[in-house]
Amino acid sequence: MRKSRLSAATWTLSVAAAGVLLIGCSGSVSVGDTDPKVSKEKLSDTVAEQLAKSTGQPKPDITCPKDLVGKVGNTARCTLTASDGSTLGVTVKVSKVDGKNVDFDIKADDTPSPAAS
């Protein structure tokens, strides 16, 4: 009988995801354009900071491929990548827009994806 074992990074991702799901997470940024939009770089950095803060873990490697338009209900999909190459999806959803300030909620997926072979 073969037992599968989680790598340390995958285990860390699972713990981080559980922590985010249990305590929730949100962020807020102020943008300078007349059409509120959070750049993919700023979004990636803010999501990483908020996940680190809410889980007590080091700042993870987060990549958000698109800018987030500041309209309530809009979402963006980001990816958390562990040192072993495994990934965890992260959804960012705009919860409030106040002028140039965009507030959003962050939710990590329940299950990480293993590293590509």
N, C-alpha and C. Protein backbone atom coordinates (compact mmCIF):
# COMPACT_ATOMS: atom_id res chain seq x y z
N MET A 1 0.85 -1.18 0.00
CA MET A 1 0.00 0.00 0.00
C MET A 1 0.89 1.24 0.00
N ARG A 2 0.67 2.11 -0.92
CA ARG A 2 1.49 3.30 -1.06
C ARG A 2 0.81 4.48 -0.38
N LYS A 3 1.56 5.18 0.45
CA LYS A 3 1.03 6.36 1.12
C LYS A 3 1.66 7.59 0.48
N SER A 4 0.84 8.59 0.23
CA SER A 4 1.41 9.82 -0.31
C SER A 4 1.73 10.75 0.85
N ARG A 5 2.82 11.49 0.68
CA ARG A 5 3.23 12.43 1.71
C ARG A 5 3.25 13.82 1.12
N LEU A 6 2.84 14.77 1.90
CA LEU A 6 2.88 16.15 1.46
C LEU A 6 4.29 16.71 1.67
N SER A 7 4.80 17.43 0.70
CA SER A 7 6.09 18.09 0.89
C SER A 7 5.90 19.21 1.91
N ALA A 8 7.00 19.67 2.45
CA ALA A 8 6.94 20.75 3.44
C ALA A 8 6.27 21.99 2.85
N ALA A 9 6.59 22.30 1.60
CA ALA A 9 6.00 23.48 0.97
C ALA A 9 4.50 23.29 0.75
N THR A 10 4.10 22.11 0.31
CA THR A 10 2.67 21.85 0.11
C THR A 10 1.93 21.91 1.44
N TRP A 11 2.56 21.36 2.47
CA TRP A 11 1.95 21.41 3.80
C TRP A 11 1.80 22.85 4.24
N THR A 12 2.84 23.66 3.99
CA THR A 12 2.79 25.07 4.35
C THR A 12 1.67 25.76 3.59
N LEU A 13 1.53 25.45 2.29
CA LEU A 13 0.44 26.03 1.51
C LEU A 13 -0.91 25.64 2.09
N SER A 14 -1.04 24.39 2.48
CA SER A 14 -2.31 23.92 3.05
C SER A 14 -2.62 24.65 4.35
N VAL A 15 -1.60 24.81 5.19
CA VAL A 15 -1.77 25.52 6.46
C VAL A 15 -2.13 26.98 6.19
N ALA A 16 -1.43 27.59 5.23
CA ALA A 16 -1.71 28.98 4.89
C ALA A 16 -3.13 29.13 4.36
N ALA A 17 -3.54 28.22 3.50
CA ALA A 17 -4.90 28.27 2.95
C ALA A 17 -5.92 28.11 4.06
N ALA A 18 -5.69 27.18 4.96
CA ALA A 18 -6.62 26.97 6.06
C ALA A 18 -6.70 28.21 6.93
N GLY A 19 -5.55 28.82 7.18
CA GLY A 19 -5.53 30.04 7.98
C GLY A 19 -6.30 31.16 7.32
N VAL A 20 -6.13 31.33 6.04
CA VAL A 20 -6.84 32.37 5.31
C VAL A 20 -8.32 32.09 5.32
N LEU A 21 -8.70 30.85 5.12
CA LEU A 21 -10.12 30.51 5.09
C LEU A 21 -10.77 30.70 6.44
N LEU A 22 -10.05 30.41 7.52
CA LEU A 22 -10.62 30.52 8.85
C LEU A 22 -10.75 31.97 9.30
N ILE A 23 -9.73 32.78 9.04
CA ILE A 23 -9.77 34.14 9.56
C ILE A 23 -10.14 35.18 8.51
N GLY A 24 -10.16 34.79 7.26
CA GLY A 24 -10.49 35.73 6.20
C GLY A 24 -9.37 36.74 6.01
N CYS A 25 -9.44 37.46 4.97
CA CYS A 25 -8.37 38.38 4.65
C CYS A 25 -8.92 39.42 3.71
N SER A 26 -8.45 40.64 3.85
CA SER A 26 -8.87 41.68 2.94
C SER A 26 -7.74 42.68 2.77
N GLY A 27 -7.85 43.48 1.75
CA GLY A 27 -6.84 44.50 1.51
C GLY A 27 -7.49 45.74 0.95
N SER A 28 -6.71 46.79 0.89
CA SER A 28 -7.19 48.05 0.35
C SER A 28 -6.02 48.80 -0.25
N VAL A 29 -6.24 49.39 -1.40
CA VAL A 29 -5.22 50.21 -2.03
C VAL A 29 -5.85 51.48 -2.56
N SER A 30 -5.03 52.51 -2.66
CA SER A 30 -5.46 53.77 -3.23
C SER A 30 -4.78 53.89 -4.60
N VAL A 31 -5.56 54.20 -5.61
CA VAL A 31 -5.02 54.27 -6.96
C VAL A 31 -5.12 55.70 -7.48
N GLY A 32 -4.25 56.05 -8.41
CA GLY A 32 -4.16 57.42 -8.87
C GLY A 32 -4.95 57.74 -10.12
N ASP A 33 -5.51 56.79 -10.80
CA ASP A 33 -6.24 57.04 -12.04
C ASP A 33 -7.65 57.50 -11.75
N THR A 34 -8.28 58.14 -12.76
CA THR A 34 -9.68 58.52 -12.61
C THR A 34 -10.57 57.28 -12.66
N ASP A 35 -10.15 56.28 -13.42
CA ASP A 35 -10.86 55.00 -13.47
C ASP A 35 -10.12 54.08 -12.49
N PRO A 36 -10.70 53.85 -11.30
CA PRO A 36 -9.95 53.08 -10.30
C PRO A 36 -9.57 51.70 -10.82
N LYS A 37 -8.29 51.42 -10.72
CA LYS A 37 -7.76 50.14 -11.17
C LYS A 37 -6.52 49.86 -10.33
N VAL A 38 -6.37 48.60 -9.89
CA VAL A 38 -5.19 48.19 -9.15
C VAL A 38 -4.29 47.44 -10.13
N SER A 39 -3.06 47.91 -10.30
CA SER A 39 -2.15 47.24 -11.23
C SER A 39 -1.85 45.82 -10.74
N LYS A 40 -1.53 44.94 -11.67
CA LYS A 40 -1.23 43.56 -11.30
C LYS A 40 -0.05 43.47 -10.35
N GLU A 41 0.93 44.38 -10.47
CA GLU A 41 2.08 44.38 -9.57
C GLU A 41 1.66 44.78 -8.15
N LYS A 42 0.87 45.85 -8.04
CA LYS A 42 0.40 46.31 -6.73
C LYS A 42 -0.52 45.27 -6.11
N LEU A 43 -1.37 44.65 -6.92
CA LEU A 43 -2.29 43.63 -6.43
C LEU A 43 -1.51 42.43 -5.89
N SER A 44 -0.51 41.97 -6.65
CA SER A 44 0.32 40.83 -6.21
C SER A 44 0.98 41.13 -4.89
N ASP A 45 1.56 42.32 -4.77
CA ASP A 45 2.27 42.70 -3.55
C ASP A 45 1.32 42.82 -2.35
N THR A 46 0.17 43.45 -2.56
CA THR A 46 -0.79 43.64 -1.47
C THR A 46 -1.37 42.30 -1.01
N VAL A 47 -1.70 41.42 -1.94
CA VAL A 47 -2.22 40.09 -1.58
C VAL A 47 -1.17 39.33 -0.78
N ALA A 48 0.08 39.36 -1.22
CA ALA A 48 1.16 38.67 -0.50
C ALA A 48 1.30 39.22 0.92
N GLU A 49 1.27 40.54 1.06
CA GLU A 49 1.38 41.16 2.39
C GLU A 49 0.23 40.75 3.29
N GLN A 50 -0.99 40.77 2.76
CA GLN A 50 -2.16 40.43 3.57
C GLN A 50 -2.17 38.94 3.97
N LEU A 51 -1.76 38.06 3.05
CA LEU A 51 -1.70 36.64 3.39
C LEU A 51 -0.65 36.39 4.46
N ALA A 52 0.50 37.04 4.34
CA ALA A 52 1.56 36.89 5.35
C ALA A 52 1.07 37.38 6.71
N LYS A 53 0.41 38.52 6.70
CA LYS A 53 -0.10 39.11 7.94
C LYS A 53 -1.15 38.22 8.60
N SER A 54 -2.07 37.67 7.80
CA SER A 54 -3.17 36.89 8.37
C SER A 54 -2.76 35.48 8.79
N THR A 55 -1.69 34.95 8.20
CA THR A 55 -1.27 33.58 8.53
C THR A 55 -0.06 33.52 9.45
N GLY A 56 0.65 34.65 9.62
CA GLY A 56 1.85 34.64 10.43
C GLY A 56 3.02 33.95 9.73
N GLN A 57 2.91 33.75 8.43
CA GLN A 57 3.95 33.11 7.62
C GLN A 57 4.73 34.19 6.87
N PRO A 58 5.92 33.84 6.34
CA PRO A 58 6.65 34.80 5.51
C PRO A 58 5.83 35.17 4.28
N LYS A 59 6.14 36.33 3.70
CA LYS A 59 5.44 36.82 2.52
C LYS A 59 5.60 35.83 1.38
N PRO A 60 4.47 35.29 0.86
CA PRO A 60 4.55 34.29 -0.21
C PRO A 60 4.78 34.91 -1.58
N ASP A 61 5.14 34.07 -2.54
CA ASP A 61 5.31 34.48 -3.94
C ASP A 61 3.94 34.46 -4.60
N ILE A 62 3.40 35.63 -4.86
CA ILE A 62 2.07 35.77 -5.46
C ILE A 62 2.21 36.42 -6.83
N THR A 63 1.50 35.87 -7.82
CA THR A 63 1.47 36.46 -9.15
C THR A 63 0.01 36.67 -9.54
N CYS A 64 -0.30 37.91 -9.90
CA CYS A 64 -1.63 38.24 -10.42
C CYS A 64 -1.42 38.68 -11.87
N PRO A 65 -2.00 37.94 -12.84
CA PRO A 65 -1.71 38.21 -14.24
C PRO A 65 -2.39 39.43 -14.85
N LYS A 66 -3.41 39.97 -14.17
CA LYS A 66 -4.15 41.10 -14.73
C LYS A 66 -4.39 42.17 -13.67
N ASP A 67 -4.59 43.40 -14.14
CA ASP A 67 -5.01 44.48 -13.26
C ASP A 67 -6.42 44.18 -12.75
N LEU A 68 -6.75 44.75 -11.60
CA LEU A 68 -8.09 44.58 -11.02
C LEU A 68 -8.83 45.90 -11.15
N VAL A 69 -9.91 45.91 -11.95
CA VAL A 69 -10.72 47.11 -12.13
C VAL A 69 -11.58 47.30 -10.89
N GLY A 70 -11.55 48.52 -10.36
CA GLY A 70 -12.26 48.82 -9.13
C GLY A 70 -13.75 48.99 -9.31
N LYS A 71 -14.44 47.88 -9.44
CA LYS A 71 -15.90 47.86 -9.52
C LYS A 71 -16.37 46.73 -8.61
N VAL A 72 -17.27 47.03 -7.69
CA VAL A 72 -17.74 46.03 -6.73
C VAL A 72 -18.18 44.77 -7.45
N GLY A 73 -17.66 43.64 -6.98
CA GLY A 73 -17.99 42.34 -7.55
C GLY A 73 -16.95 41.82 -8.53
N ASN A 74 -16.11 42.70 -9.08
CA ASN A 74 -15.06 42.25 -10.00
C ASN A 74 -14.08 41.34 -9.26
N THR A 75 -13.57 40.36 -9.97
CA THR A 75 -12.62 39.43 -9.36
C THR A 75 -11.35 39.32 -10.20
N ALA A 76 -10.31 38.85 -9.54
CA ALA A 76 -9.05 38.52 -10.21
C ALA A 76 -8.57 37.21 -9.61
N ARG A 77 -7.92 36.40 -10.44
CA ARG A 77 -7.33 35.15 -9.97
C ARG A 77 -5.82 35.33 -9.92
N CYS A 78 -5.27 35.02 -8.78
CA CYS A 78 -3.83 35.11 -8.57
C CYS A 78 -3.33 33.71 -8.21
N THR A 79 -2.02 33.54 -8.23
CA THR A 79 -1.42 32.25 -7.92
C THR A 79 -0.32 32.42 -6.89
N LEU A 80 -0.39 31.61 -5.84
CA LEU A 80 0.67 31.52 -4.85
C LEU A 80 1.53 30.33 -5.26
N THR A 81 2.84 30.56 -5.41
CA THR A 81 3.75 29.49 -5.82
C THR A 81 4.73 29.21 -4.69
N ALA A 82 4.80 27.94 -4.27
CA ALA A 82 5.72 27.51 -3.21
C ALA A 82 7.09 27.22 -3.80
N SER A 83 8.08 27.08 -2.93
CA SER A 83 9.46 26.83 -3.37
C SER A 83 9.60 25.52 -4.14
N ASP A 84 8.72 24.55 -3.91
CA ASP A 84 8.80 23.27 -4.63
C ASP A 84 8.03 23.28 -5.95
N GLY A 85 7.45 24.44 -6.29
CA GLY A 85 6.72 24.56 -7.55
C GLY A 85 5.23 24.29 -7.44
N SER A 86 4.76 23.81 -6.29
CA SER A 86 3.32 23.61 -6.13
C SER A 86 2.64 24.98 -6.05
N THR A 87 1.38 25.03 -6.42
CA THR A 87 0.66 26.29 -6.48
C THR A 87 -0.67 26.22 -5.74
N LEU A 88 -1.15 27.40 -5.40
CA LEU A 88 -2.44 27.53 -4.75
C LEU A 88 -3.13 28.73 -5.37
N GLY A 89 -4.34 28.53 -5.87
CA GLY A 89 -5.09 29.63 -6.45
C GLY A 89 -5.63 30.55 -5.38
N VAL A 90 -5.69 31.83 -5.70
CA VAL A 90 -6.18 32.85 -4.78
C VAL A 90 -7.14 33.75 -5.56
N THR A 91 -8.34 33.93 -5.02
CA THR A 91 -9.33 34.80 -5.65
C THR A 91 -9.40 36.11 -4.89
N VAL A 92 -9.36 37.20 -5.63
CA VAL A 92 -9.47 38.55 -5.07
C VAL A 92 -10.76 39.15 -5.61
N LYS A 93 -11.62 39.64 -4.71
CA LYS A 93 -12.91 40.17 -5.13
C LYS A 93 -13.11 41.57 -4.55
N VAL A 94 -13.43 42.52 -5.42
CA VAL A 94 -13.65 43.90 -4.99
C VAL A 94 -14.91 43.95 -4.12
N SER A 95 -14.74 44.49 -2.90
CA SER A 95 -15.87 44.57 -1.97
C SER A 95 -16.40 46.00 -1.82
N LYS A 96 -15.55 47.00 -2.11
CA LYS A 96 -15.97 48.39 -1.95
C LYS A 96 -15.04 49.29 -2.76
N VAL A 97 -15.61 50.30 -3.35
CA VAL A 97 -14.83 51.32 -4.05
C VAL A 97 -15.29 52.67 -3.50
N ASP A 98 -14.34 53.44 -2.99
CA ASP A 98 -14.63 54.75 -2.43
C ASP A 98 -13.68 55.75 -3.08
N GLY A 99 -14.15 56.41 -4.14
CA GLY A 99 -13.28 57.32 -4.88
C GLY A 99 -12.18 56.52 -5.56
N LYS A 100 -10.94 56.76 -5.12
CA LYS A 100 -9.80 56.06 -5.70
C LYS A 100 -9.33 54.90 -4.83
N ASN A 101 -10.02 54.64 -3.73
CA ASN A 101 -9.68 53.51 -2.86
C ASN A 101 -10.47 52.28 -3.27
N VAL A 102 -9.75 51.17 -3.46
CA VAL A 102 -10.37 49.90 -3.84
C VAL A 102 -10.14 48.91 -2.71
N ASP A 103 -11.21 48.44 -2.08
CA ASP A 103 -11.13 47.42 -1.04
C ASP A 103 -11.47 46.08 -1.68
N PHE A 104 -10.79 45.02 -1.20
CA PHE A 104 -11.08 43.70 -1.76
C PHE A 104 -10.89 42.63 -0.71
N ASP A 105 -11.57 41.51 -0.94
CA ASP A 105 -11.45 40.32 -0.10
C ASP A 105 -10.57 39.32 -0.81
N ILE A 106 -9.85 38.53 -0.01
CA ILE A 106 -8.91 37.54 -0.54
C ILE A 106 -9.30 36.17 -0.01
N LYS A 107 -9.41 35.19 -0.91
CA LYS A 107 -9.75 33.83 -0.50
C LYS A 107 -8.87 32.85 -1.26
N ALA A 108 -8.14 32.04 -0.49
CA ALA A 108 -7.31 31.00 -1.11
C ALA A 108 -8.14 29.76 -1.39
N ASP A 109 -7.79 29.03 -2.44
CA ASP A 109 -8.45 27.77 -2.75
C ASP A 109 -8.23 26.78 -1.61
N ASP A 110 -9.07 25.76 -1.53
CA ASP A 110 -8.96 24.75 -0.48
C ASP A 110 -7.79 23.81 -0.67
N THR A 111 -7.43 23.52 -1.92
CA THR A 111 -6.42 22.49 -2.21
C THR A 111 -5.34 23.01 -3.15
N PRO A 112 -4.06 22.82 -2.78
CA PRO A 112 -2.99 23.22 -3.68
C PRO A 112 -2.86 22.25 -4.85
N SER A 113 -2.25 22.72 -5.93
CA SER A 113 -1.94 21.87 -7.08
C SER A 113 -0.48 21.47 -6.98
N PRO A 114 -0.18 20.19 -7.23
CA PRO A 114 1.23 19.75 -7.15
C PRO A 114 2.08 20.39 -8.24
N ALA A 115 3.37 20.40 -8.00
CA ALA A 115 4.31 20.94 -8.98
C ALA A 115 4.24 20.11 -10.25
N ALA A 116 4.45 20.76 -11.39
CA ALA A 116 4.48 20.06 -12.66
C ALA A 116 5.70 19.15 -12.69
N SER A 117 5.53 17.98 -13.26
CA SER A 117 6.65 17.02 -13.32
C SER A 117 7.56 17.30 -14.48
